[in-house]
N, C-alpha and C. Protein backbone atom coordinates (compact mmCIF):
# COMPACT_ATOMS: atom_id res chain seq x y z
N MET A 1 19.57 13.38 9.89
CA MET A 1 18.88 12.25 10.47
C MET A 1 19.65 11.63 11.53
N HIS A 2 19.00 11.05 12.54
CA HIS A 2 19.73 10.38 13.66
C HIS A 2 20.46 9.14 13.26
N LYS A 3 21.59 8.95 13.85
CA LYS A 3 22.38 7.78 13.46
C LYS A 3 22.25 6.65 14.48
N GLN A 4 21.87 6.98 15.77
CA GLN A 4 21.78 5.81 16.74
C GLN A 4 20.54 5.02 16.49
N PRO A 5 20.61 3.74 16.94
CA PRO A 5 19.51 2.93 16.81
C PRO A 5 18.28 3.49 17.53
N ARG A 6 17.14 3.33 16.83
CA ARG A 6 15.91 3.80 17.36
C ARG A 6 14.84 2.74 17.24
N ASP A 7 13.76 2.76 18.10
CA ASP A 7 12.63 1.88 17.90
C ASP A 7 11.91 2.18 16.50
N VAL A 8 11.59 1.11 15.84
CA VAL A 8 10.92 1.38 14.63
C VAL A 8 9.46 0.75 14.74
N ILE A 9 8.55 1.54 14.23
CA ILE A 9 7.13 1.17 14.29
C ILE A 9 6.64 1.19 12.83
N LEU A 10 5.91 0.03 12.48
CA LEU A 10 5.21 0.02 11.18
C LEU A 10 3.77 0.32 11.53
N ALA A 11 3.31 1.44 10.97
CA ALA A 11 1.85 1.91 11.14
C ALA A 11 1.01 1.36 10.06
N SER A 12 0.92 0.00 10.15
CA SER A 12 0.08 -0.71 9.17
C SER A 12 -0.31 -2.07 9.58
N GLY A 13 -1.47 -2.50 9.25
CA GLY A 13 -1.89 -3.84 9.60
C GLY A 13 -1.70 -4.80 8.39
N SER A 14 -1.05 -4.36 7.33
CA SER A 14 -0.88 -5.14 6.10
C SER A 14 0.04 -6.21 6.33
N THR A 15 -0.37 -7.42 6.04
CA THR A 15 0.49 -8.68 6.14
C THR A 15 1.59 -8.60 5.11
N GLY A 16 1.23 -8.07 3.90
CA GLY A 16 2.31 -7.95 2.82
C GLY A 16 3.45 -7.08 3.24
N ARG A 17 3.12 -5.90 3.78
CA ARG A 17 4.18 -4.92 4.18
C ARG A 17 4.92 -5.52 5.36
N ARG A 18 4.29 -6.09 6.24
CA ARG A 18 4.92 -6.80 7.36
C ARG A 18 5.92 -7.83 6.93
N MET A 19 5.49 -8.66 5.90
CA MET A 19 6.35 -9.68 5.32
C MET A 19 7.54 -9.17 4.73
N LEU A 20 7.38 -7.99 3.92
CA LEU A 20 8.53 -7.39 3.26
C LEU A 20 9.62 -6.97 4.20
N LEU A 21 9.18 -6.25 5.30
CA LEU A 21 10.13 -5.75 6.27
C LEU A 21 10.68 -6.95 7.05
N GLU A 22 10.01 -7.87 7.45
CA GLU A 22 10.61 -9.00 8.15
C GLU A 22 11.58 -9.79 7.27
N ASN A 23 11.31 -10.02 6.05
CA ASN A 23 12.21 -10.68 5.15
C ASN A 23 13.43 -9.90 4.92
N ALA A 24 13.40 -8.57 4.93
CA ALA A 24 14.51 -7.69 4.68
C ALA A 24 15.39 -7.54 5.97
N GLY A 25 14.95 -8.17 7.10
CA GLY A 25 15.73 -8.14 8.29
C GLY A 25 15.55 -6.78 9.07
N VAL A 26 14.48 -6.11 8.87
CA VAL A 26 14.24 -4.85 9.60
C VAL A 26 13.55 -5.09 10.92
N PRO A 27 14.21 -4.63 12.03
CA PRO A 27 13.49 -4.87 13.38
C PRO A 27 12.38 -3.81 13.52
N PHE A 28 11.20 -4.29 13.88
CA PHE A 28 10.04 -3.31 14.03
C PHE A 28 8.98 -4.02 14.77
N ARG A 29 8.01 -3.15 15.28
CA ARG A 29 6.80 -3.63 15.80
C ARG A 29 5.62 -2.91 15.09
N VAL A 30 4.44 -3.39 15.27
CA VAL A 30 3.27 -2.79 14.55
C VAL A 30 2.35 -2.07 15.53
N GLU A 31 2.08 -0.88 15.11
CA GLU A 31 0.97 -0.11 15.86
C GLU A 31 0.00 0.37 14.77
N LEU A 32 -1.32 0.07 14.95
CA LEU A 32 -2.20 0.40 13.94
C LEU A 32 -2.67 1.92 14.10
N PRO A 33 -2.65 2.58 12.93
CA PRO A 33 -3.11 4.05 12.96
C PRO A 33 -4.54 4.15 13.15
N ASP A 34 -4.95 5.19 13.77
CA ASP A 34 -6.32 5.55 14.05
C ASP A 34 -6.70 6.73 13.09
N VAL A 35 -6.88 6.51 11.90
CA VAL A 35 -7.28 7.55 10.92
C VAL A 35 -8.49 7.04 10.09
N ASP A 36 -9.31 7.95 9.71
CA ASP A 36 -10.49 7.70 8.84
C ASP A 36 -10.02 8.03 7.44
N GLU A 37 -9.68 7.01 6.66
CA GLU A 37 -9.22 7.22 5.26
C GLU A 37 -10.19 7.79 4.36
N ARG A 38 -11.47 7.31 4.47
CA ARG A 38 -12.53 7.80 3.63
C ARG A 38 -12.82 9.32 3.90
N ALA A 39 -12.76 9.71 5.17
CA ALA A 39 -12.96 11.02 5.55
C ALA A 39 -11.88 11.98 4.93
N ILE A 40 -10.66 11.53 4.97
CA ILE A 40 -9.57 12.34 4.41
C ILE A 40 -9.71 12.39 2.89
N GLU A 41 -10.14 11.29 2.29
CA GLU A 41 -10.37 11.37 0.87
C GLU A 41 -11.53 12.34 0.51
N ALA A 42 -12.63 12.30 1.34
CA ALA A 42 -13.64 13.28 1.03
C ALA A 42 -13.25 14.70 1.14
N ALA A 43 -12.34 14.88 2.17
CA ALA A 43 -11.94 16.27 2.47
C ALA A 43 -11.18 16.87 1.29
N ILE A 44 -10.45 15.99 0.60
CA ILE A 44 -9.61 16.55 -0.59
C ILE A 44 -10.11 16.14 -1.91
N ASP A 45 -11.49 15.69 -1.96
CA ASP A 45 -12.04 15.22 -3.19
C ASP A 45 -11.98 16.21 -4.35
N ASP A 46 -12.17 17.52 -3.96
CA ASP A 46 -12.23 18.57 -4.99
C ASP A 46 -10.89 19.27 -5.12
N SER A 47 -9.80 18.71 -4.58
CA SER A 47 -8.52 19.56 -4.61
C SER A 47 -7.75 19.31 -5.89
N GLY A 48 -8.16 18.23 -6.59
CA GLY A 48 -7.41 17.89 -7.85
C GLY A 48 -6.28 17.02 -7.59
N ALA A 49 -6.13 16.47 -6.36
CA ALA A 49 -5.04 15.55 -5.97
C ALA A 49 -5.02 14.30 -6.95
N THR A 50 -3.90 13.90 -7.39
CA THR A 50 -3.80 12.69 -8.26
C THR A 50 -3.89 11.47 -7.37
N PRO A 51 -4.19 10.29 -7.84
CA PRO A 51 -4.19 9.06 -7.03
C PRO A 51 -2.88 8.82 -6.27
N ALA A 52 -1.68 9.22 -6.96
CA ALA A 52 -0.40 9.10 -6.28
C ALA A 52 -0.30 10.04 -5.17
N GLU A 53 -0.73 11.38 -5.30
CA GLU A 53 -0.74 12.27 -4.25
C GLU A 53 -1.70 11.78 -3.11
N LEU A 54 -2.77 11.21 -3.43
CA LEU A 54 -3.69 10.80 -2.45
C LEU A 54 -3.06 9.67 -1.60
N ALA A 55 -2.34 8.78 -2.21
CA ALA A 55 -1.53 7.74 -1.47
C ALA A 55 -0.56 8.31 -0.47
N LEU A 56 0.15 9.41 -0.92
CA LEU A 56 1.13 10.06 -0.03
C LEU A 56 0.35 10.77 1.20
N ILE A 57 -0.77 11.41 0.91
CA ILE A 57 -1.53 12.12 1.94
C ILE A 57 -1.98 11.10 3.02
N LEU A 58 -2.55 10.02 2.53
CA LEU A 58 -3.00 8.95 3.43
C LEU A 58 -1.91 8.31 4.30
N ALA A 59 -0.75 8.06 3.65
CA ALA A 59 0.41 7.53 4.32
C ALA A 59 0.92 8.45 5.38
N GLU A 60 0.99 9.72 4.98
CA GLU A 60 1.47 10.81 6.01
C GLU A 60 0.50 10.92 7.16
N ALA A 61 -0.74 10.84 6.90
CA ALA A 61 -1.78 10.87 8.01
C ALA A 61 -1.53 9.79 8.99
N LYS A 62 -1.32 8.58 8.49
CA LYS A 62 -1.20 7.45 9.27
C LYS A 62 0.14 7.59 10.14
N ALA A 63 1.24 7.95 9.43
CA ALA A 63 2.48 8.02 10.16
C ALA A 63 2.46 9.09 11.21
N ILE A 64 1.90 10.24 10.93
CA ILE A 64 1.83 11.33 11.87
C ILE A 64 1.01 10.89 13.11
N GLU A 65 -0.11 10.29 12.91
CA GLU A 65 -0.96 9.90 14.00
C GLU A 65 -0.26 8.98 14.97
N VAL A 66 0.48 8.00 14.49
CA VAL A 66 1.26 7.05 15.29
C VAL A 66 2.38 7.68 15.94
N SER A 67 3.14 8.57 15.13
CA SER A 67 4.34 9.12 15.65
C SER A 67 4.06 10.09 16.84
N LEU A 68 2.91 10.69 16.81
CA LEU A 68 2.50 11.61 17.89
C LEU A 68 2.26 10.70 19.18
N ARG A 69 1.89 9.61 19.06
CA ARG A 69 1.73 8.65 20.18
C ARG A 69 3.01 8.07 20.66
N PHE A 70 3.95 7.99 19.68
CA PHE A 70 5.30 7.36 20.09
C PHE A 70 6.42 8.28 19.51
N PRO A 71 6.56 9.41 20.14
CA PRO A 71 7.41 10.45 19.56
C PRO A 71 8.86 10.16 19.45
N LYS A 72 9.30 9.11 20.18
CA LYS A 72 10.77 8.82 20.13
C LYS A 72 11.09 7.72 19.06
N ALA A 73 10.07 7.21 18.45
CA ALA A 73 10.24 6.16 17.49
C ALA A 73 10.32 6.71 16.01
N ILE A 74 10.91 5.83 15.27
CA ILE A 74 10.83 6.09 13.78
C ILE A 74 9.64 5.32 13.28
N VAL A 75 8.67 6.07 12.76
CA VAL A 75 7.46 5.47 12.30
C VAL A 75 7.32 5.32 10.76
N ILE A 76 7.10 4.16 10.29
CA ILE A 76 6.92 3.84 8.84
C ILE A 76 5.47 3.64 8.60
N ALA A 77 4.94 4.37 7.63
CA ALA A 77 3.58 4.16 7.17
C ALA A 77 3.58 4.16 5.61
N ALA A 78 2.56 3.50 5.08
CA ALA A 78 2.42 3.34 3.70
C ALA A 78 0.91 3.33 3.24
N ASP A 79 0.71 3.68 1.98
CA ASP A 79 -0.65 3.53 1.54
C ASP A 79 -0.57 3.28 0.04
N GLN A 80 -1.57 2.64 -0.48
CA GLN A 80 -1.54 2.31 -1.85
C GLN A 80 -2.98 2.67 -2.45
N THR A 81 -2.99 3.43 -3.53
CA THR A 81 -4.15 3.72 -4.29
C THR A 81 -4.13 3.03 -5.59
N MET A 82 -5.29 2.75 -6.17
CA MET A 82 -5.45 2.09 -7.40
C MET A 82 -6.33 2.81 -8.29
N ASN A 83 -6.02 3.11 -9.59
CA ASN A 83 -6.88 3.76 -10.44
C ASN A 83 -6.73 3.18 -11.84
N MET A 84 -7.83 3.34 -12.59
CA MET A 84 -7.80 2.96 -14.02
C MET A 84 -8.40 4.25 -14.69
N GLY A 85 -7.48 5.05 -15.30
CA GLY A 85 -7.88 6.31 -15.80
C GLY A 85 -8.25 7.30 -14.62
N ASP A 86 -9.51 7.79 -14.82
CA ASP A 86 -9.96 8.73 -13.77
C ASP A 86 -10.72 7.95 -12.62
N ARG A 87 -10.93 6.72 -12.75
CA ARG A 87 -11.67 5.90 -11.80
C ARG A 87 -10.73 5.51 -10.66
N LEU A 88 -11.02 5.83 -9.43
CA LEU A 88 -10.35 5.44 -8.30
C LEU A 88 -11.01 4.27 -7.59
N PHE A 89 -10.33 3.24 -7.28
CA PHE A 89 -10.95 1.98 -6.70
C PHE A 89 -10.56 2.00 -5.19
N HIS A 90 -11.54 1.40 -4.48
CA HIS A 90 -11.26 1.21 -3.04
C HIS A 90 -11.40 -0.28 -2.68
N LYS A 91 -11.00 -0.70 -1.51
CA LYS A 91 -11.23 -2.04 -1.08
C LYS A 91 -12.73 -2.38 -1.21
N PRO A 92 -13.00 -3.52 -1.78
CA PRO A 92 -14.44 -3.88 -1.92
C PRO A 92 -15.12 -4.20 -0.68
N ALA A 93 -16.37 -3.78 -0.55
CA ALA A 93 -17.11 -3.98 0.74
C ALA A 93 -17.49 -5.44 0.84
N ASP A 94 -17.76 -6.09 -0.27
CA ASP A 94 -18.22 -7.46 -0.22
C ASP A 94 -17.79 -8.18 -1.54
N MET A 95 -18.11 -9.48 -1.66
CA MET A 95 -17.75 -10.25 -2.82
C MET A 95 -18.45 -9.78 -4.06
N ASP A 96 -19.61 -9.27 -4.00
CA ASP A 96 -20.29 -8.63 -5.20
C ASP A 96 -19.49 -7.50 -5.76
N GLU A 97 -19.06 -6.61 -4.83
CA GLU A 97 -18.26 -5.43 -5.33
C GLU A 97 -17.00 -5.91 -5.93
N ALA A 98 -16.32 -6.87 -5.26
CA ALA A 98 -15.06 -7.41 -5.77
C ALA A 98 -15.29 -8.07 -7.20
N ARG A 99 -16.38 -8.71 -7.43
CA ARG A 99 -16.66 -9.41 -8.61
C ARG A 99 -16.84 -8.19 -9.75
N ARG A 100 -17.62 -7.19 -9.43
CA ARG A 100 -17.78 -6.14 -10.38
C ARG A 100 -16.56 -5.42 -10.74
N ASN A 101 -15.69 -5.16 -9.66
CA ASN A 101 -14.35 -4.48 -9.96
C ASN A 101 -13.44 -5.32 -10.85
N LEU A 102 -13.41 -6.60 -10.61
CA LEU A 102 -12.53 -7.53 -11.40
C LEU A 102 -13.01 -7.55 -12.84
N ILE A 103 -14.33 -7.61 -13.05
CA ILE A 103 -14.86 -7.57 -14.44
C ILE A 103 -14.49 -6.30 -15.14
N ALA A 104 -14.63 -5.17 -14.38
CA ALA A 104 -14.27 -3.90 -15.01
C ALA A 104 -12.75 -3.80 -15.35
N LEU A 105 -11.92 -4.49 -14.60
CA LEU A 105 -10.41 -4.38 -14.80
C LEU A 105 -10.00 -5.38 -15.88
N SER A 106 -10.85 -6.39 -16.15
CA SER A 106 -10.41 -7.45 -17.15
C SER A 106 -10.09 -6.79 -18.56
N GLY A 107 -8.86 -7.21 -18.95
CA GLY A 107 -8.40 -6.76 -20.27
C GLY A 107 -7.84 -5.37 -20.32
N HIS A 108 -7.70 -4.66 -19.16
CA HIS A 108 -7.27 -3.33 -19.16
C HIS A 108 -6.01 -3.06 -18.23
N THR A 109 -5.40 -1.96 -18.36
CA THR A 109 -4.25 -1.61 -17.54
C THR A 109 -4.74 -0.66 -16.46
N HIS A 110 -4.32 -0.94 -15.25
CA HIS A 110 -4.53 -0.03 -14.09
C HIS A 110 -3.25 0.38 -13.39
N GLU A 111 -3.34 1.27 -12.58
CA GLU A 111 -2.08 1.82 -11.86
C GLU A 111 -2.17 1.51 -10.41
N LEU A 112 -1.07 1.00 -9.86
CA LEU A 112 -0.94 0.97 -8.36
C LEU A 112 -0.02 2.00 -7.96
N ASN A 113 -0.43 2.88 -7.06
CA ASN A 113 0.49 3.96 -6.55
C ASN A 113 0.75 3.69 -5.04
N SER A 114 1.99 3.43 -4.84
CA SER A 114 2.42 3.06 -3.42
C SER A 114 3.22 4.20 -2.87
N ALA A 115 2.79 4.66 -1.71
CA ALA A 115 3.54 5.82 -0.96
C ALA A 115 4.11 5.12 0.29
N VAL A 116 5.28 5.60 0.70
CA VAL A 116 5.88 5.25 2.04
C VAL A 116 6.45 6.52 2.63
N VAL A 117 6.27 6.67 3.90
CA VAL A 117 6.74 7.86 4.54
C VAL A 117 7.46 7.34 5.92
N VAL A 118 8.37 8.30 6.36
CA VAL A 118 8.93 8.09 7.67
C VAL A 118 8.56 9.30 8.52
N ALA A 119 8.13 9.09 9.73
CA ALA A 119 7.69 10.24 10.60
C ALA A 119 8.50 10.13 11.88
N GLU A 120 8.66 11.35 12.43
CA GLU A 120 9.31 11.44 13.75
C GLU A 120 8.49 12.50 14.58
N ASN A 121 8.01 12.26 15.65
CA ASN A 121 7.40 13.15 16.60
C ASN A 121 6.48 14.15 15.85
N GLY A 122 5.65 13.50 14.92
CA GLY A 122 4.63 14.26 14.17
C GLY A 122 5.03 15.04 13.00
N THR A 123 6.31 14.82 12.58
CA THR A 123 6.70 15.42 11.29
C THR A 123 7.17 14.37 10.40
N VAL A 124 7.21 14.68 9.02
CA VAL A 124 7.58 13.71 8.00
C VAL A 124 8.83 14.20 7.28
N PRO A 125 10.02 13.71 7.68
CA PRO A 125 11.19 14.12 7.11
C PRO A 125 11.49 13.50 5.74
N TRP A 126 10.77 12.39 5.46
CA TRP A 126 11.10 11.72 4.22
C TRP A 126 9.80 10.95 3.64
N SER A 127 9.64 10.98 2.33
CA SER A 127 8.52 10.28 1.63
C SER A 127 8.92 9.88 0.29
N HIS A 128 8.17 8.98 -0.22
CA HIS A 128 8.55 8.43 -1.58
C HIS A 128 7.26 7.80 -2.05
N VAL A 129 6.96 8.04 -3.49
CA VAL A 129 5.85 7.41 -4.19
C VAL A 129 6.39 6.78 -5.41
N ASP A 130 5.82 5.65 -5.61
CA ASP A 130 6.17 4.86 -6.84
C ASP A 130 4.94 4.30 -7.48
N THR A 131 4.92 4.06 -8.78
CA THR A 131 3.72 3.56 -9.48
C THR A 131 4.07 2.29 -10.32
N ALA A 132 3.23 1.32 -10.25
CA ALA A 132 3.33 0.15 -11.08
C ALA A 132 2.11 0.09 -12.01
N TYR A 133 2.37 -0.54 -13.23
CA TYR A 133 1.29 -0.53 -14.22
C TYR A 133 0.97 -2.05 -14.44
N MET A 134 -0.26 -2.35 -14.19
CA MET A 134 -0.76 -3.77 -14.14
C MET A 134 -1.78 -3.94 -15.27
N THR A 135 -1.45 -4.94 -16.16
CA THR A 135 -2.36 -5.28 -17.28
C THR A 135 -2.98 -6.63 -17.01
N MET A 136 -4.29 -6.53 -16.72
CA MET A 136 -5.01 -7.85 -16.45
C MET A 136 -5.35 -8.48 -17.70
N ARG A 137 -5.30 -9.82 -17.74
CA ARG A 137 -5.67 -10.56 -18.87
C ARG A 137 -7.24 -10.49 -18.97
N GLU A 138 -7.74 -10.84 -20.09
CA GLU A 138 -9.18 -11.01 -20.25
C GLU A 138 -9.77 -12.19 -19.51
N ILE A 139 -10.56 -11.92 -18.54
CA ILE A 139 -11.14 -13.07 -17.69
C ILE A 139 -12.58 -13.05 -17.82
N SER A 140 -13.16 -14.24 -17.83
CA SER A 140 -14.58 -14.29 -17.95
C SER A 140 -15.27 -14.22 -16.62
N PRO A 141 -16.56 -13.78 -16.59
CA PRO A 141 -17.30 -13.72 -15.30
C PRO A 141 -17.29 -15.07 -14.53
N ALA A 142 -17.30 -16.19 -15.30
CA ALA A 142 -17.27 -17.44 -14.71
C ALA A 142 -15.97 -17.64 -13.91
N TYR A 143 -14.81 -17.28 -14.62
CA TYR A 143 -13.52 -17.41 -13.94
C TYR A 143 -13.43 -16.57 -12.70
N VAL A 144 -13.93 -15.28 -12.80
CA VAL A 144 -13.99 -14.40 -11.65
C VAL A 144 -14.66 -15.04 -10.53
N GLY A 145 -15.77 -15.70 -10.71
CA GLY A 145 -16.43 -16.38 -9.68
C GLY A 145 -15.60 -17.54 -9.09
N ARG A 146 -14.87 -18.33 -9.91
CA ARG A 146 -14.09 -19.37 -9.39
C ARG A 146 -12.88 -18.78 -8.58
N TYR A 147 -12.25 -17.72 -9.17
CA TYR A 147 -11.13 -17.08 -8.46
C TYR A 147 -11.61 -16.55 -7.13
N LEU A 148 -12.62 -15.77 -6.99
CA LEU A 148 -13.10 -15.32 -5.69
C LEU A 148 -13.39 -16.40 -4.68
N SER A 149 -14.00 -17.53 -5.23
CA SER A 149 -14.21 -18.59 -4.34
C SER A 149 -12.90 -19.19 -3.81
N ALA A 150 -11.96 -19.31 -4.61
CA ALA A 150 -10.62 -19.77 -4.10
C ALA A 150 -9.85 -18.77 -3.23
N ALA A 151 -9.99 -17.56 -3.52
CA ALA A 151 -9.27 -16.40 -2.82
C ALA A 151 -9.90 -16.29 -1.53
N GLY A 152 -11.18 -16.35 -1.39
CA GLY A 152 -11.87 -16.16 -0.06
C GLY A 152 -11.77 -14.74 0.34
N ASP A 153 -11.72 -14.57 1.77
CA ASP A 153 -11.77 -13.22 2.37
C ASP A 153 -10.55 -12.42 1.97
N ALA A 154 -9.45 -13.00 1.42
CA ALA A 154 -8.28 -12.24 1.02
C ALA A 154 -8.67 -11.32 -0.05
N ALA A 155 -9.68 -11.64 -0.94
CA ALA A 155 -10.09 -10.79 -2.00
C ALA A 155 -10.66 -9.45 -1.46
N LEU A 156 -11.00 -9.35 -0.19
CA LEU A 156 -11.63 -8.13 0.27
C LEU A 156 -10.59 -7.31 1.01
N LYS A 157 -9.33 -7.76 1.15
CA LYS A 157 -8.34 -7.13 1.94
C LYS A 157 -7.38 -6.19 1.16
N SER A 158 -7.56 -6.18 -0.17
CA SER A 158 -6.68 -5.36 -1.07
C SER A 158 -7.63 -4.52 -2.04
N VAL A 159 -7.22 -3.43 -2.45
CA VAL A 159 -7.95 -2.59 -3.29
C VAL A 159 -8.33 -3.22 -4.58
N GLY A 160 -7.45 -4.09 -5.15
CA GLY A 160 -7.78 -4.76 -6.42
C GLY A 160 -8.33 -6.07 -6.27
N SER A 161 -8.59 -6.56 -5.07
CA SER A 161 -9.08 -7.87 -4.85
C SER A 161 -8.14 -8.94 -5.20
N TYR A 162 -6.87 -8.58 -5.23
CA TYR A 162 -5.77 -9.65 -5.48
C TYR A 162 -4.55 -9.33 -4.66
N GLN A 163 -3.82 -10.45 -4.44
CA GLN A 163 -2.48 -10.38 -3.88
C GLN A 163 -1.50 -10.99 -4.89
N MET A 164 -0.61 -10.18 -5.47
CA MET A 164 0.36 -10.59 -6.49
C MET A 164 1.28 -11.68 -5.90
N GLU A 165 1.45 -11.76 -4.60
CA GLU A 165 2.29 -12.74 -4.03
C GLU A 165 1.58 -14.12 -3.86
N GLY A 166 0.33 -14.11 -4.27
CA GLY A 166 -0.41 -15.34 -4.21
C GLY A 166 -1.26 -15.70 -5.47
N LEU A 167 -2.44 -16.03 -5.26
CA LEU A 167 -3.34 -16.44 -6.38
C LEU A 167 -3.58 -15.40 -7.32
N GLY A 168 -3.53 -14.12 -6.88
CA GLY A 168 -3.77 -12.99 -7.80
C GLY A 168 -2.86 -12.90 -8.99
N ALA A 169 -1.75 -13.56 -8.92
CA ALA A 169 -0.76 -13.47 -10.08
C ALA A 169 -1.37 -14.08 -11.31
N GLN A 170 -2.34 -14.97 -11.13
CA GLN A 170 -3.00 -15.68 -12.29
C GLN A 170 -3.90 -14.74 -13.09
N LEU A 171 -4.14 -13.57 -12.53
CA LEU A 171 -5.08 -12.67 -13.16
C LEU A 171 -4.37 -11.78 -14.36
N PHE A 172 -3.02 -11.82 -14.41
CA PHE A 172 -2.37 -10.79 -15.18
C PHE A 172 -1.59 -11.25 -16.34
N ASP A 173 -1.60 -10.43 -17.38
CA ASP A 173 -0.70 -10.65 -18.46
C ASP A 173 0.71 -10.08 -18.23
N THR A 174 0.71 -8.83 -17.82
CA THR A 174 1.93 -8.11 -17.50
C THR A 174 1.91 -7.22 -16.29
N ALA A 175 3.07 -7.03 -15.70
CA ALA A 175 3.18 -6.09 -14.54
C ALA A 175 4.46 -5.28 -14.73
N GLU A 176 4.30 -3.98 -14.90
CA GLU A 176 5.46 -3.13 -15.05
C GLU A 176 5.71 -2.23 -13.85
N GLY A 177 6.82 -2.51 -13.24
CA GLY A 177 7.16 -1.75 -11.97
C GLY A 177 7.71 -2.73 -10.91
N SER A 178 8.19 -2.11 -9.83
CA SER A 178 8.74 -2.88 -8.76
C SER A 178 7.78 -3.76 -8.10
N TYR A 179 8.28 -5.04 -7.87
CA TYR A 179 7.51 -5.96 -7.13
C TYR A 179 7.15 -5.39 -5.79
N PHE A 180 8.00 -4.66 -5.17
CA PHE A 180 7.68 -4.10 -3.75
C PHE A 180 6.63 -3.10 -3.86
N THR A 181 6.65 -2.32 -4.90
CA THR A 181 5.58 -1.34 -5.12
C THR A 181 4.20 -1.99 -5.35
N ILE A 182 4.23 -3.14 -6.07
CA ILE A 182 2.92 -3.87 -6.29
C ILE A 182 2.51 -4.40 -4.98
N ILE A 183 3.33 -4.92 -4.11
CA ILE A 183 2.97 -5.42 -2.85
C ILE A 183 2.36 -4.33 -1.93
N GLY A 184 2.97 -3.08 -2.08
CA GLY A 184 2.42 -2.00 -1.36
C GLY A 184 3.41 -1.25 -0.47
N LEU A 185 4.74 -1.54 -0.70
CA LEU A 185 5.71 -0.83 0.14
C LEU A 185 7.02 -0.62 -0.81
N PRO A 186 7.31 0.47 -1.32
CA PRO A 186 8.61 0.74 -2.03
C PRO A 186 9.79 0.48 -1.13
N LEU A 187 10.26 -0.73 -1.13
CA LEU A 187 11.21 -1.16 -0.05
C LEU A 187 12.59 -0.67 -0.20
N LEU A 188 13.15 -0.64 -1.43
CA LEU A 188 14.59 -0.30 -1.64
C LEU A 188 14.83 1.16 -1.14
N PRO A 189 14.11 2.18 -1.61
CA PRO A 189 14.42 3.50 -1.00
C PRO A 189 14.21 3.61 0.46
N LEU A 190 13.28 2.79 1.01
CA LEU A 190 12.99 2.84 2.48
C LEU A 190 14.24 2.26 3.19
N LEU A 191 14.79 1.14 2.64
CA LEU A 191 16.00 0.55 3.26
C LEU A 191 17.17 1.53 3.29
N GLN A 192 17.25 2.30 2.28
CA GLN A 192 18.37 3.33 2.26
C GLN A 192 18.18 4.31 3.40
N VAL A 193 16.94 4.79 3.66
CA VAL A 193 16.73 5.69 4.69
C VAL A 193 16.99 5.01 6.12
N LEU A 194 16.51 3.82 6.18
CA LEU A 194 16.79 3.06 7.40
C LEU A 194 18.30 2.84 7.76
N ARG A 195 19.09 2.68 6.65
CA ARG A 195 20.51 2.64 6.87
C ARG A 195 21.03 4.02 7.36
N GLU A 196 20.61 5.04 6.82
CA GLU A 196 21.00 6.37 7.26
C GLU A 196 20.63 6.62 8.83
N TYR A 197 19.50 6.04 9.21
CA TYR A 197 19.14 6.09 10.63
C TYR A 197 19.86 5.09 11.56
N GLY A 198 20.63 4.22 10.92
CA GLY A 198 21.34 3.24 11.66
C GLY A 198 20.43 2.10 12.20
N VAL A 199 19.23 1.90 11.55
CA VAL A 199 18.35 0.82 11.98
C VAL A 199 18.85 -0.51 11.45
N ILE A 200 19.36 -0.47 10.23
CA ILE A 200 19.99 -1.68 9.60
C ILE A 200 21.48 -1.35 9.25
N ASP A 201 22.17 -2.35 9.09
CA ASP A 201 23.65 -2.18 8.84
C ASP A 201 23.91 -1.67 7.40
N GLY A 202 24.79 -0.65 7.33
CA GLY A 202 25.02 -0.15 6.02
C GLY A 202 26.41 -0.32 5.52
C-alpha cells in the first residue's frame, strides 16, 4: 500500500458515515457513486449471496465506480444491509412502508451487516464486513405512529427507519456489536488501513 498522503474520497451521501470520519479526524471529500443498487441486487438474487455478502458487493460497486472517475484517490465506500432471518429489508419508500417494517421488527432480533471497502483506480485492495445484532423492544402500532411523526423524513433515510445516534435508540432493548457497525461504517479497521496509507498519523 502507498505510504504518501493521498486524496481521500468518501463515496457515500450518508450523514452518519460522514460524521464518523469527520469526528475521527480523517481528511476527505464526498463524491456520490452512480450505481443502481436495486439492479445489482436483482442480478445476484438467485446467487445465494448472504446479506453480508450483498453489502460487500454493493460497497465494492460504489467504490469502483468512483475510483474509476478519480483514479489517483483513495476511495472509501460502504453499504449496509438489514435482515431478519431470510427477509431482507430495504429503505422504505414511504411512511406506510416504514410503519409496516417497524411493526414487523417489534419484539424481534434483526441483523445489520456493514461493509466497508477501499478502492484505487478501479480495484479493491481491502474490504471488511461486520454484523451487529439488534433486538427491538415490543412497540405498539400507536407508538410506531408517534415515533414516525417525531422522526420525520429521517425515518425514510435508513433501511430500518431508525438512526441509533438519535431518536431510534428508543426502539431497542439491546444492541450487540460495534456502534460504528450499527451506524454503517466499521470505523476501527478502516482507520488502521488509513494509517498504513499515511492518511492519518500512526
